[in-house]
Amino acid sequence: MAVAKILRPNRDWLEIITHVLDGEGKQREEARATMWGNVKHFVEHVDRGKLPIGPLADDDDALRDIAVRVLEKLERHDFAHLREWRRRQLSGRDAAQWWTFIRLVVRSKATDYARGSPLNIARRGSRKDAPSGKAAFEWVRVEPTEASVLSEQSTARFLARCTWPQLFDFLDKLNGVRAPASELPLQPRPALASPQRRAPATERLREPAGRSTQAACHDTCGQARQRRRGDNAT
């Protein structure tokens, strides 16, 4: 939500910028703080809906970065841009009002920021072919996906048992695209049997039907003792 704040009017800025450039001590600090606060608010709340930067215009972090870049440009090279703006104001030649001047700088820095954004997938060659004064952008479409679709364990179980129609429904959710009904196979996809681990030789002994392994071992040991007694008697 935008924070209510009244920006300083255009008529105040020649004096404010003069204090930024020529003021001393507290006077200069206060003037610079006024400039930073007003310009940041202008970028983040006033001008954000007019910036031609696609989804970045709704990204608070991106707008804060753009605002900082604008202010850094104004102060670069010993406030060169501010000194030039003040010179034009005093001479009356090609003198733009403060907020018109700031809006031009914001457009420039916002366009540079959007060109380097990972959400902009436009080819570099297409940017040169854009009309004069406009930037070519092609934005990634970001759509939320259900968490259950991305769960590895539940997905593996589902893929092992699903039918073809169920598989296509799953891909629809994952990709956001509905496959035509005419392309769906008529026969259901057979369920895949889960792989069985081959037991070691010691585990492949079959237990006698209806008797426990412990009982079978007991009988075998008893038979061996009886044979040993018979051998000793002979």
C-alpha atoms as a PDB file:
ATOM      1  CA  MET A   1       0.000   0.000   0.000  1.00  0.00           C
ATOM      2  CA  ALA A   2       1.285   3.443  -0.931  1.00  0.00           C
ATOM      3  CA  VAL A   3       2.304   5.608   1.991  1.00  0.00           C
ATOM      4  CA  ALA A   4       0.555   8.971   2.011  1.00  0.00           C
ATOM      5  CA  LYS A   5       3.132  11.678   1.495  1.00  0.00           C
ATOM      6  CA  ILE A   6       3.002  15.134  -0.069  1.00  0.00           C
ATOM      7  CA  LEU A   7       5.879  15.755  -2.450  1.00  0.00           C
ATOM      8  CA  ARG A   8       7.530  19.118  -2.423  1.00  0.00           C
ATOM      9  CA  PRO A   9       6.229  21.248  -5.339  1.00  0.00           C
ATOM     10  CA  ASN A  10       8.367  22.237  -8.328  1.00  0.00           C
ATOM     11  CA  ARG A  11       8.788  25.814  -7.093  1.00  0.00           C
ATOM     12  CA  ASP A  12      10.712  24.640  -3.993  1.00  0.00           C
ATOM     13  CA  TRP A  13      13.385  22.628  -5.713  1.00  0.00           C
ATOM     14  CA  LEU A  14      15.728  25.336  -6.934  1.00  0.00           C
ATOM     15  CA  GLU A  15      16.329  26.372  -3.336  1.00  0.00           C
ATOM     16  CA  ILE A  16      16.581  22.744  -2.130  1.00  0.00           C
ATOM     17  CA  ILE A  17      19.135  21.816  -4.800  1.00  0.00           C
ATOM     18  CA  THR A  18      21.114  24.988  -4.092  1.00  0.00           C
ATOM     19  CA  HIS A  19      21.375  23.878  -0.461  1.00  0.00           C
ATOM     20  CA  VAL A  20      22.467  20.406  -1.597  1.00  0.00           C
ATOM     21  CA  LEU A  21      25.200  21.869  -3.802  1.00  0.00           C
ATOM     22  CA  ASP A  22      26.365  24.879  -1.806  1.00  0.00           C
ATOM     23  CA  GLY A  23      24.993  24.417   1.689  1.00  0.00           C
ATOM     24  CA  GLU A  24      27.058  23.427   4.699  1.00  0.00           C
ATOM     25  CA  GLY A  25      26.559  21.174   7.675  1.00  0.00           C
ATOM     26  CA  LYS A  26      23.004  20.568   8.824  1.00  0.00           C
ATOM     27  CA  GLN A  27      21.469  22.668   6.069  1.00  0.00           C
ATOM     28  CA  ARG A  28      23.049  20.497   3.375  1.00  0.00           C
ATOM     29  CA  GLU A  29      22.194  17.245   5.171  1.00  0.00           C
ATOM     30  CA  GLU A  30      18.537  18.235   5.515  1.00  0.00           C
ATOM     31  CA  ALA A  31      18.293  19.268   1.855  1.00  0.00           C
ATOM     32  CA  ARG A  32      19.875  16.017   0.706  1.00  0.00           C
ATOM     33  CA  ALA A  33      17.558  13.979   2.961  1.00  0.00           C
ATOM     34  CA  THR A  34      14.573  15.820   1.464  1.00  0.00           C
ATOM     35  CA  MET A  35      15.737  14.995  -2.048  1.00  0.00           C
ATOM     36  CA  TRP A  36      16.268  11.316  -1.256  1.00  0.00           C
ATOM     37  CA  GLY A  37      12.945  10.931   0.534  1.00  0.00           C
ATOM     38  CA  ASN A  38      10.926  12.695  -2.172  1.00  0.00           C
ATOM     39  CA  VAL A  39      12.573  10.954  -5.126  1.00  0.00           C
ATOM     40  CA  LYS A  40      12.248   7.511  -3.550  1.00  0.00           C
ATOM     41  CA  HIS A  41       8.571   8.110  -2.806  1.00  0.00           C
ATOM     42  CA  PHE A  42       8.029   9.354  -6.369  1.00  0.00           C
ATOM     43  CA  VAL A  43       9.522   6.184  -7.874  1.00  0.00           C
ATOM     44  CA  GLU A  44       8.003   3.662  -5.464  1.00  0.00           C
ATOM     45  CA  HIS A  45       4.485   5.105  -5.206  1.00  0.00           C
ATOM     46  CA  VAL A  46       3.684   7.974  -7.581  1.00  0.00           C
ATOM     47  CA  ASP A  47       5.264   6.952 -10.887  1.00  0.00           C
ATOM     48  CA  ARG A  48       5.240   3.161 -10.535  1.00  0.00           C
ATOM     49  CA  GLY A  49       2.019   2.618 -12.476  1.00  0.00           C
ATOM     50  CA  LYS A  50       3.339   4.628 -15.431  1.00  0.00           C
ATOM     51  CA  LEU A  51       6.679   2.853 -15.821  1.00  0.00           C
ATOM     52  CA  PRO A  52       6.826   0.675 -18.977  1.00  0.00           C
ATOM     53  CA  ILE A  53       8.632  -2.193 -17.251  1.00  0.00           C
ATOM     54  CA  GLY A  54       5.965  -4.903 -17.180  1.00  0.00           C
ATOM     55  CA  PRO A  55       5.708  -6.986 -14.004  1.00  0.00           C
ATOM     56  CA  LEU A  56       8.595  -5.110 -12.393  1.00  0.00           C
ATOM     57  CA  ALA A  57       6.259  -2.167 -11.830  1.00  0.00           C
ATOM     58  CA  ASP A  58       4.541  -4.300  -9.169  1.00  0.00           C
ATOM     59  CA  ASP A  59       7.804  -5.454  -7.579  1.00  0.00           C
ATOM     60  CA  ASP A  60       8.587  -3.319  -4.510  1.00  0.00           C
ATOM     61  CA  ASP A  61      12.204  -4.512  -4.360  1.00  0.00           C
ATOM     62  CA  ALA A  62      12.769  -3.634  -8.028  1.00  0.00           C
ATOM     63  CA  LEU A  63      11.301  -0.161  -7.539  1.00  0.00           C
ATOM     64  CA  ARG A  64      13.538   0.472  -4.540  1.00  0.00           C
ATOM     65  CA  ASP A  65      16.575  -0.542  -6.599  1.00  0.00           C
ATOM     66  CA  ILE A  66      15.512   1.786  -9.414  1.00  0.00           C
ATOM     67  CA  ALA A  67      15.035   4.675  -6.982  1.00  0.00           C
ATOM     68  CA  VAL A  68      18.537   4.193  -5.581  1.00  0.00           C
ATOM     69  CA  ARG A  69      20.005   4.094  -9.099  1.00  0.00           C
ATOM     70  CA  VAL A  70      18.230   7.359  -9.938  1.00  0.00           C
ATOM     71  CA  LEU A  71      19.649   9.093  -6.861  1.00  0.00           C
ATOM     72  CA  GLU A  72      23.111   7.695  -7.485  1.00  0.00           C
ATOM     73  CA  LYS A  73      22.997   9.150 -11.001  1.00  0.00           C
ATOM     74  CA  LEU A  74      21.956  12.564  -9.663  1.00  0.00           C
ATOM     75  CA  GLU A  75      24.922  12.606  -7.267  1.00  0.00           C
ATOM     76  CA  ARG A  76      27.496  11.064  -9.603  1.00  0.00           C
ATOM     77  CA  HIS A  77      30.557  13.119 -10.600  1.00  0.00           C
ATOM     78  CA  ASP A  78      30.080  15.721  -7.864  1.00  0.00           C
ATOM     79  CA  PHE A  79      26.339  16.192  -8.549  1.00  0.00           C
ATOM     80  CA  ALA A  80      26.939  16.930 -12.243  1.00  0.00           C
ATOM     81  CA  HIS A  81      23.311  16.366 -13.275  1.00  0.00           C
ATOM     82  CA  LEU A  82      21.989  18.542 -10.459  1.00  0.00           C
ATOM     83  CA  ARG A  83      24.430  21.318 -11.340  1.00  0.00           C
ATOM     84  CA  GLU A  84      23.316  21.212 -14.965  1.00  0.00           C
ATOM     85  CA  TRP A  85      19.636  21.303 -13.965  1.00  0.00           C
ATOM     86  CA  ARG A  86      20.267  24.331 -11.719  1.00  0.00           C
ATOM     87  CA  ARG A  87      22.247  26.106 -14.464  1.00  0.00           C
ATOM     88  CA  ARG A  88      19.307  25.756 -16.850  1.00  0.00           C
ATOM     89  CA  GLN A  89      16.875  26.963 -14.214  1.00  0.00           C
ATOM     90  CA  LEU A  90      18.931  30.108 -13.606  1.00  0.00           C
ATOM     91  CA  SER A  91      19.508  30.778 -17.299  1.00  0.00           C
ATOM     92  CA  GLY A  92      15.912  30.069 -18.296  1.00  0.00           C
ATOM     93  CA  ARG A  93      17.055  28.050 -21.340  1.00  0.00           C
ATOM     94  CA  ASP A  94      15.742  24.479 -21.811  1.00  0.00           C
ATOM     95  CA  ALA A  95      14.686  24.522 -18.182  1.00  0.00           C
ATOM     96  CA  ALA A  96      12.491  21.555 -17.241  1.00  0.00           C
ATOM     97  CA  GLN A  97      10.540  21.567 -14.018  1.00  0.00           C
ATOM     98  CA  TRP A  98      11.960  19.395 -11.264  1.00  0.00           C
ATOM     99  CA  TRP A  99       9.498  16.503 -11.434  1.00  0.00           C
ATOM    100  CA  THR A 100       9.604  16.460 -15.241  1.00  0.00           C
ATOM    101  CA  PHE A 101      13.380  16.182 -15.012  1.00  0.00           C
ATOM    102  CA  ILE A 102      13.162  13.411 -12.410  1.00  0.00           C
ATOM    103  CA  ARG A 103      10.597  11.492 -14.465  1.00  0.00           C
ATOM    104  CA  LEU A 104      13.005  11.448 -17.441  1.00  0.00           C
ATOM    105  CA  VAL A 105      15.842  10.115 -15.276  1.00  0.00           C
ATOM    106  CA  VAL A 106      13.521   7.490 -13.754  1.00  0.00           C
ATOM    107  CA  ARG A 107      12.455   6.280 -17.218  1.00  0.00           C
ATOM    108  CA  SER A 108      16.062   5.898 -18.264  1.00  0.00           C
ATOM    109  CA  LYS A 109      17.188   3.967 -15.180  1.00  0.00           C
ATOM    110  CA  ALA A 110      14.016   1.831 -15.085  1.00  0.00           C
ATOM    111  CA  THR A 111      14.525   0.782 -18.719  1.00  0.00           C
ATOM    112  CA  ASP A 112      18.152  -0.145 -18.029  1.00  0.00           C
ATOM    113  CA  TYR A 113      17.063  -2.142 -14.984  1.00  0.00           C
ATOM    114  CA  ALA A 114      14.339  -3.994 -16.917  1.00  0.00           C
ATOM    115  CA  ARG A 115      16.711  -4.894 -19.755  1.00  0.00           C
ATOM    116  CA  GLY A 116      18.952  -6.728 -17.301  1.00  0.00           C
ATOM    117  CA  SER A 117      16.142  -8.444 -15.424  1.00  0.00           C
ATOM    118  CA  PRO A 118      16.002 -12.281 -15.607  1.00  0.00           C
ATOM    119  CA  LEU A 119      12.254 -11.930 -16.225  1.00  0.00           C
ATOM    120  CA  ASN A 120      12.977 -10.236 -19.558  1.00  0.00           C
ATOM    121  CA  ILE A 121      13.791 -12.957 -22.108  1.00  0.00           C
ATOM    122  CA  ALA A 122      13.737 -10.787 -25.248  1.00  0.00           C
ATOM    123  CA  ARG A 123      16.625 -11.468 -27.601  1.00  0.00           C
ATOM    124  CA  ARG A 124      19.244  -8.739 -27.700  1.00  0.00           C
ATOM    125  CA  GLY A 125      18.820  -8.361 -31.452  1.00  0.00           C
ATOM    126  CA  SER A 126      15.116  -7.611 -31.061  1.00  0.00           C
ATOM    127  CA  ARG A 127      15.907  -4.741 -28.719  1.00  0.00           C
ATOM    128  CA  LYS A 128      17.764  -2.932 -31.504  1.00  0.00           C
ATOM    129  CA  ASP A 129      14.720  -3.282 -33.761  1.00  0.00           C
ATOM    130  CA  ALA A 130      12.409  -1.617 -31.230  1.00  0.00           C
ATOM    131  CA  PRO A 131      10.847   1.728 -32.225  1.00  0.00           C
ATOM    132  CA  SER A 132      12.789   4.814 -31.243  1.00  0.00           C
ATOM    133  CA  GLY A 133      12.238   5.727 -27.606  1.00  0.00           C
ATOM    134  CA  LYS A 134      10.797   2.331 -26.728  1.00  0.00           C
ATOM    135  CA  ALA A 135      12.419  -0.782 -25.300  1.00  0.00           C
ATOM    136  CA  ALA A 136      11.628  -4.304 -26.500  1.00  0.00           C
ATOM    137  CA  PHE A 137      10.662  -6.561 -23.618  1.00  0.00           C
ATOM    138  CA  GLU A 138       9.391 -10.133 -23.556  1.00  0.00           C
ATOM    139  CA  TRP A 139       8.379 -11.157 -20.058  1.00  0.00           C
ATOM    140  CA  VAL A 140       8.380 -14.607 -18.508  1.00  0.00           C
ATOM    141  CA  ARG A 141       4.887 -15.663 -17.495  1.00  0.00           C
ATOM    142  CA  VAL A 142       4.957 -16.728 -13.850  1.00  0.00           C
ATOM    143  CA  GLU A 143       2.057 -18.912 -12.712  1.00  0.00           C
ATOM    144  CA  PRO A 144       1.678 -20.495  -9.268  1.00  0.00           C
ATOM    145  CA  THR A 145       1.683 -24.301  -9.150  1.00  0.00           C
ATOM    146  CA  GLU A 146       0.053 -26.473  -6.519  1.00  0.00           C
ATOM    147  CA  ALA A 147       2.571 -27.773  -4.017  1.00  0.00           C
ATOM    148  CA  SER A 148       1.211 -31.327  -4.411  1.00  0.00           C
ATOM    149  CA  VAL A 149       2.202 -31.279  -8.084  1.00  0.00           C
ATOM    150  CA  LEU A 150       5.841 -30.666  -7.166  1.00  0.00           C
ATOM    151  CA  SER A 151       6.058 -33.240  -4.373  1.00  0.00           C
ATOM    152  CA  GLU A 152       8.597 -35.873  -5.460  1.00  0.00           C
ATOM    153  CA  GLN A 153       7.272 -38.739  -3.364  1.00  0.00           C
ATOM    154  CA  SER A 154       3.607 -38.270  -4.213  1.00  0.00           C
ATOM    155  CA  THR A 155       4.480 -37.682  -7.882  1.00  0.00           C
ATOM    156  CA  ALA A 156       6.505 -40.897  -8.092  1.00  0.00           C
ATOM    157  CA  ARG A 157       3.654 -42.928  -6.574  1.00  0.00           C
ATOM    158  CA  PHE A 158       1.148 -41.296  -8.893  1.00  0.00           C
ATOM    159  CA  LEU A 159       3.178 -41.902 -12.071  1.00  0.00           C
ATOM    160  CA  ALA A 160       3.608 -45.571 -11.169  1.00  0.00           C
ATOM    161  CA  ARG A 161      -0.161 -46.170 -11.010  1.00  0.00           C
ATOM    162  CA  CYS A 162      -1.886 -43.522 -13.144  1.00  0.00           C
ATOM    163  CA  THR A 163      -3.819 -44.052 -16.380  1.00  0.00           C
ATOM    164  CA  TRP A 164      -3.226 -42.042 -19.547  1.00  0.00           C
ATOM    165  CA  PRO A 165      -6.089 -39.564 -18.895  1.00  0.00           C
ATOM    166  CA  GLN A 166      -4.799 -39.029 -15.364  1.00  0.00           C
ATOM    167  CA  LEU A 167      -1.299 -38.450 -16.710  1.00  0.00           C
ATOM    168  CA  PHE A 168      -2.548 -35.784 -19.124  1.00  0.00           C
ATOM    169  CA  ASP A 169      -4.465 -34.091 -16.316  1.00  0.00           C
ATOM    170  CA  PHE A 170      -1.279 -34.051 -14.255  1.00  0.00           C
ATOM    171  CA  LEU A 171       0.670 -32.449 -17.131  1.00  0.00           C
ATOM    172  CA  ASP A 172      -2.113 -29.894 -17.557  1.00  0.00           C
ATOM    173  CA  LYS A 173      -1.633 -28.761 -13.953  1.00  0.00           C
ATOM    174  CA  LEU A 174       2.136 -28.709 -14.329  1.00  0.00           C
ATOM    175  CA  ASN A 175       2.249 -26.790 -17.618  1.00  0.00           C
ATOM    176  CA  GLY A 176      -1.008 -24.874 -17.458  1.00  0.00           C
ATOM    177  CA  VAL A 177      -2.050 -26.246 -20.868  1.00  0.00           C
ATOM    178  CA  ARG A 178      -5.097 -28.392 -21.558  1.00  0.00           C
ATOM    179  CA  ALA A 179      -4.542 -31.185 -24.087  1.00  0.00           C
ATOM    180  CA  PRO A 180      -7.309 -31.639 -26.697  1.00  0.00           C
ATOM    181  CA  ALA A 181      -9.615 -34.545 -25.909  1.00  0.00           C
ATOM    182  CA  SER A 182      -8.999 -35.985 -29.390  1.00  0.00           C
ATOM    183  CA  GLU A 183      -5.341 -36.546 -28.505  1.00  0.00           C
ATOM    184  CA  LEU A 184      -6.031 -38.639 -25.410  1.00  0.00           C
ATOM    185  CA  PRO A 185      -5.420 -42.389 -25.869  1.00  0.00           C
ATOM    186  CA  LEU A 186      -8.545 -44.517 -25.719  1.00  0.00           C
ATOM    187  CA  GLN A 187      -6.911 -47.326 -23.740  1.00  0.00           C
ATOM    188  CA  PRO A 188      -5.868 -46.679 -20.145  1.00  0.00           C
ATOM    189  CA  ARG A 189      -2.228 -46.862 -19.338  1.00  0.00           C
ATOM    190  CA  PRO A 190      -1.446 -50.145 -17.535  1.00  0.00           C
ATOM    191  CA  ALA A 191      -0.206 -49.801 -14.007  1.00  0.00           C
ATOM    192  CA  LEU A 192       3.506 -50.348 -13.617  1.00  0.00           C
ATOM    193  CA  ALA A 193       4.465 -53.021 -11.123  1.00  0.00           C
ATOM    194  CA  SER A 194       6.878 -51.836  -8.543  1.00  0.00           C
ATOM    195  CA  PRO A 195      10.325 -53.483  -8.906  1.00  0.00           C
ATOM    196  CA  GLN A 196      10.990 -56.350  -6.493  1.00  0.00           C
ATOM    197  CA  ARG A 197      14.327 -56.695  -4.754  1.00  0.00           C
ATOM    198  CA  ARG A 198      15.942 -60.091  -5.289  1.00  0.00           C
ATOM    199  CA  ALA A 199      16.472 -61.622  -1.886  1.00  0.00           C
ATOM    200  CA  PRO A 200      19.868 -63.068  -0.929  1.00  0.00           C
ATOM    201  CA  ALA A 201      20.277 -66.865  -1.007  1.00  0.00           C
ATOM    202  CA  THR A 202      19.925 -67.072   2.763  1.00  0.00           C
ATOM    203  CA  GLU A 203      16.516 -65.406   2.517  1.00  0.00           C
ATOM    204  CA  ARG A 204      15.160 -67.532  -0.332  1.00  0.00           C
ATOM    205  CA  LEU A 205      14.537 -70.636   1.800  1.00  0.00           C
ATOM    206  CA  ARG A 206      10.875 -71.399   1.664  1.00  0.00           C
ATOM    207  CA  GLU A 207       9.107 -71.839   4.923  1.00  0.00           C
ATOM    208  CA  PRO A 208       7.039 -75.081   5.182  1.00  0.00           C
ATOM    209  CA  ALA A 209       3.364 -74.411   4.657  1.00  0.00           C
ATOM    210  CA  GLY A 210       1.519 -73.916   7.925  1.00  0.00           C
ATOM    211  CA  ARG A 211       4.682 -74.048  10.072  1.00  0.00           C
ATOM    212  CA  SER A 212       6.947 -71.314  11.308  1.00  0.00           C
ATOM    213  CA  THR A 213      10.624 -71.113  10.450  1.00  0.00           C
ATOM    214  CA  GLN A 214      11.531 -71.628  14.104  1.00  0.00           C
ATOM    215  CA  ALA A 215       9.497 -74.861  14.276  1.00  0.00           C
ATOM    216  CA  ALA A 216      11.032 -76.181  11.054  1.00  0.00           C
ATOM    217  CA  CYS A 217      14.538 -75.586  12.371  1.00  0.00           C
ATOM    218  CA  HIS A 218      13.633 -77.355  15.634  1.00  0.00           C
ATOM    219  CA  ASP A 219      12.459 -80.466  13.748  1.00  0.00           C
ATOM    220  CA  THR A 220      15.587 -80.534  11.592  1.00  0.00           C
ATOM    221  CA  CYS A 221      17.871 -80.354  14.608  1.00  0.00           C
ATOM    222  CA  GLY A 222      15.901 -83.148  16.350  1.00  0.00           C
ATOM    223  CA  GLN A 223      16.283 -85.452  13.344  1.00  0.00           C
ATOM    224  CA  ALA A 224      20.025 -84.831  13.295  1.00  0.00           C
ATOM    225  CA  ARG A 225      20.355 -85.786  16.979  1.00  0.00           C
ATOM    226  CA  GLN A 226      18.430 -89.034  16.450  1.00  0.00           C
ATOM    227  CA  ARG A 227      20.726 -90.070  13.565  1.00  0.00           C
ATOM    228  CA  ARG A 228      23.763 -89.328  15.723  1.00  0.00           C
ATOM    229  CA  ARG A 229      22.430 -91.562  18.519  1.00  0.00           C
ATOM    230  CA  GLY A 230      21.801 -94.407  16.050  1.00  0.00           C
ATOM    231  CA  ASP A 231      25.341 -94.181  14.704  1.00  0.00           C
ATOM    232  CA  ASN A 232      26.800 -94.360  18.198  1.00  0.00           C
ATOM    233  CA  ALA A 233      24.662 -97.412  19.072  1.00  0.00           C
ATOM    234  CA  THR A 234      25.973 -99.408  16.104  1.00  0.00           C
END
